[in-house]
Amino acid sequence: TQFERVSRYLDIGKTEARLVCGGTTAAVGTGAVVPTIFADVPDDAVIMQEEIFGPVGSFAPFETLEEVIERANDSLYGLAAGVWSSNINTCMAVAEGVDAGTVWVNGMMSSWGYQAPFGGPKQTGGGRTNGKQGLDEYLISKTVSINLNN
């Protein structure tokens, strides 16, 4: 189950990084994971490189914005990314530079609707759902080219 999958990531994370808070599951049988934060996570850590799909944040220090973007793009996945800053220019630079299908700024899951295409590049999956782009896979396009000069 997804619950068991996230629980395995919690166990892995405890061996790879510093647990700041959480790291456990809620009451037995609820299928819930306590929101978790790991700090000082190495770039090659499993919890930094894979899509966990749970309330788990993996954080690492950085020096420059360029470094952040390069490290974020050093992944096989690119479904979504999040950036927090009081500087909108910083947010926009990261949003533009990160190779992700969705970038949330100062919040997560904040623009989730049928009008917004959803999906990502790399091994996150093919295609898009929602929005006009989500309909494209159901359409068959045809190009007809006619030379009228003869």
Protein backbone atom coordinates (compact mmCIF):
# COMPACT_ATOMS: atom_id res chain seq x y z
CA THR A 1 0.00 0.00 0.00
CA GLN A 2 1.01 3.65 -0.27
CA PHE A 3 1.14 3.81 3.53
CA GLU A 4 3.66 0.95 3.65
CA ARG A 5 5.69 2.54 0.84
CA VAL A 6 6.00 5.86 2.71
CA SER A 7 6.81 4.01 5.94
CA ARG A 8 9.75 2.33 4.15
CA TYR A 9 11.01 5.76 3.06
CA LEU A 10 10.86 6.94 6.69
CA ASP A 11 13.05 4.02 7.72
CA ILE A 12 15.50 4.72 4.88
CA GLY A 13 15.57 8.43 5.71
CA LYS A 14 16.52 7.74 9.32
CA THR A 15 19.71 6.06 8.06
CA GLU A 16 20.55 8.80 5.53
CA ALA A 17 19.86 12.11 7.23
CA ARG A 18 19.02 13.91 10.46
CA LEU A 19 15.40 13.46 11.52
CA VAL A 20 14.04 16.82 12.68
CA CYS A 21 10.46 15.83 13.43
CA GLY A 22 7.92 13.14 12.65
CA GLY A 23 9.29 9.96 11.20
CA THR A 24 6.54 7.76 12.54
CA THR A 25 3.14 6.52 11.54
CA ALA A 26 -0.02 7.60 13.28
CA ALA A 27 -2.14 5.27 15.39
CA VAL A 28 -2.04 1.70 14.17
CA GLY A 29 -4.65 1.00 11.53
CA THR A 30 -5.21 4.63 10.51
CA GLY A 31 -2.96 4.45 7.45
CA ALA A 32 -1.57 7.89 8.24
CA VAL A 33 2.01 9.15 8.29
CA VAL A 34 3.06 11.88 10.70
CA PRO A 35 4.42 14.87 8.72
CA THR A 36 8.18 14.43 8.65
CA ILE A 37 11.22 16.64 8.05
CA PHE A 38 14.73 15.39 7.36
CA ALA A 39 17.64 17.87 7.36
CA ASP A 40 21.18 17.80 6.01
CA VAL A 41 20.12 15.30 3.36
CA PRO A 42 22.91 14.34 0.92
CA ASP A 43 22.14 14.83 -2.77
CA ASP A 44 22.51 11.11 -3.47
CA ALA A 45 20.20 9.99 -0.63
CA VAL A 46 17.21 7.87 -1.63
CA ILE A 47 14.87 10.31 0.14
CA MET A 48 16.33 13.16 -1.95
CA GLN A 49 16.30 11.32 -5.27
CA GLU A 50 12.96 9.49 -5.29
CA GLU A 51 9.32 10.59 -5.27
CA ILE A 52 7.95 9.71 -1.83
CA PHE A 53 4.32 10.87 -2.28
CA GLY A 54 3.82 11.49 1.40
CA PRO A 55 4.16 14.28 3.97
CA VAL A 56 7.95 14.09 3.97
CA GLY A 57 10.33 17.00 3.38
CA SER A 58 14.00 16.43 2.58
CA PHE A 59 16.14 19.55 3.09
CA ALA A 60 19.78 20.39 2.40
CA PRO A 61 21.78 23.59 2.77
CA PHE A 62 22.87 25.53 -0.33
CA GLU A 63 25.03 28.51 -1.27
CA THR A 64 23.61 29.88 -4.54
CA LEU A 65 20.34 29.85 -6.45
CA GLU A 66 22.10 28.26 -9.42
CA GLU A 67 23.23 25.42 -7.14
CA VAL A 68 19.66 24.87 -5.96
CA ILE A 69 18.36 24.60 -9.51
CA GLU A 70 21.18 22.31 -10.64
CA ARG A 71 20.70 20.01 -7.66
CA ALA A 72 16.93 19.96 -8.08
CA ASN A 73 17.32 18.96 -11.71
CA ASP A 74 19.76 16.17 -10.84
CA SER A 75 16.95 13.65 -10.51
CA LEU A 76 15.25 11.04 -12.64
CA TYR A 77 11.91 12.62 -11.77
CA GLY A 78 10.17 15.92 -12.30
CA LEU A 79 6.50 15.71 -11.38
CA ALA A 80 6.38 18.72 -9.07
CA ALA A 81 8.56 21.10 -7.11
CA GLY A 82 8.00 23.64 -4.38
CA VAL A 83 9.83 26.87 -3.60
CA TRP A 84 9.40 29.17 -0.60
CA SER A 85 10.74 32.71 -0.47
CA SER A 86 9.57 36.23 0.31
CA ASN A 87 11.39 37.34 -2.86
CA ILE A 88 9.13 36.77 -5.90
CA ASN A 89 12.13 37.11 -8.24
CA THR A 90 13.82 34.20 -6.49
CA CYS A 91 10.63 32.16 -6.75
CA MET A 92 10.26 32.90 -10.46
CA ALA A 93 13.92 32.07 -11.17
CA VAL A 94 13.55 28.69 -9.49
CA ALA A 95 10.18 28.03 -11.15
CA GLU A 96 11.68 28.78 -14.56
CA GLY A 97 14.89 26.81 -13.99
CA VAL A 98 13.55 23.65 -12.35
CA ASP A 99 12.63 20.86 -14.75
CA ALA A 100 9.24 19.98 -13.25
CA GLY A 101 5.72 19.76 -14.60
CA THR A 102 4.31 21.82 -11.73
CA VAL A 103 6.05 24.32 -9.45
CA TRP A 104 4.22 25.48 -6.34
CA VAL A 105 5.33 28.80 -4.85
CA ASN A 106 4.92 29.43 -1.10
CA GLY A 107 2.52 26.52 -0.71
CA MET A 108 1.86 23.01 -1.89
CA MET A 109 -1.07 21.68 -3.89
CA SER A 110 -2.37 25.23 -4.18
CA SER A 111 -3.36 25.23 -7.86
CA TRP A 112 -4.97 21.89 -8.30
CA GLY A 113 -7.83 22.01 -10.76
CA TYR A 114 -9.03 20.49 -13.98
CA GLN A 115 -8.04 23.62 -15.90
CA ALA A 116 -4.34 23.21 -15.05
CA PRO A 117 -2.38 20.48 -16.87
CA PHE A 118 -0.67 18.02 -14.54
CA GLY A 119 2.23 15.69 -15.27
CA GLY A 120 5.97 15.86 -15.45
CA PRO A 121 9.09 15.21 -17.47
CA LYS A 122 11.72 12.49 -17.14
CA GLN A 123 10.62 9.22 -15.50
CA THR A 124 7.66 10.82 -13.78
CA GLY A 125 5.42 9.51 -16.50
CA GLY A 126 4.30 10.41 -19.95
CA GLY A 127 1.73 12.93 -20.99
CA ARG A 128 -0.52 15.22 -19.07
CA THR A 129 -3.86 14.98 -17.35
CA ASN A 130 -6.28 17.89 -16.98
CA GLY A 131 -6.38 21.08 -19.02
CA LYS A 132 -6.25 21.26 -22.81
CA GLN A 133 -3.02 19.25 -22.81
CA GLY A 134 -4.80 16.41 -21.03
CA LEU A 135 -7.27 16.13 -23.90
CA ASP A 136 -4.57 16.01 -26.58
CA GLU A 137 -3.89 12.28 -26.17
CA TYR A 138 -7.50 11.56 -27.13
CA LEU A 139 -7.23 13.51 -30.39
CA ILE A 140 -5.90 12.35 -33.73
CA SER A 141 -4.22 15.14 -35.64
CA LYS A 142 -3.70 15.15 -39.37
CA THR A 143 -1.69 17.44 -41.61
CA VAL A 144 -2.67 17.79 -45.28
CA SER A 145 -0.20 19.56 -47.52
CA ILE A 146 -1.26 20.47 -51.07
CA ASN A 147 1.04 21.85 -53.75
CA LEU A 148 -1.09 24.05 -55.99
CA ASN A 149 1.83 25.19 -58.19
CA ASN A 150 1.54 22.32 -60.71
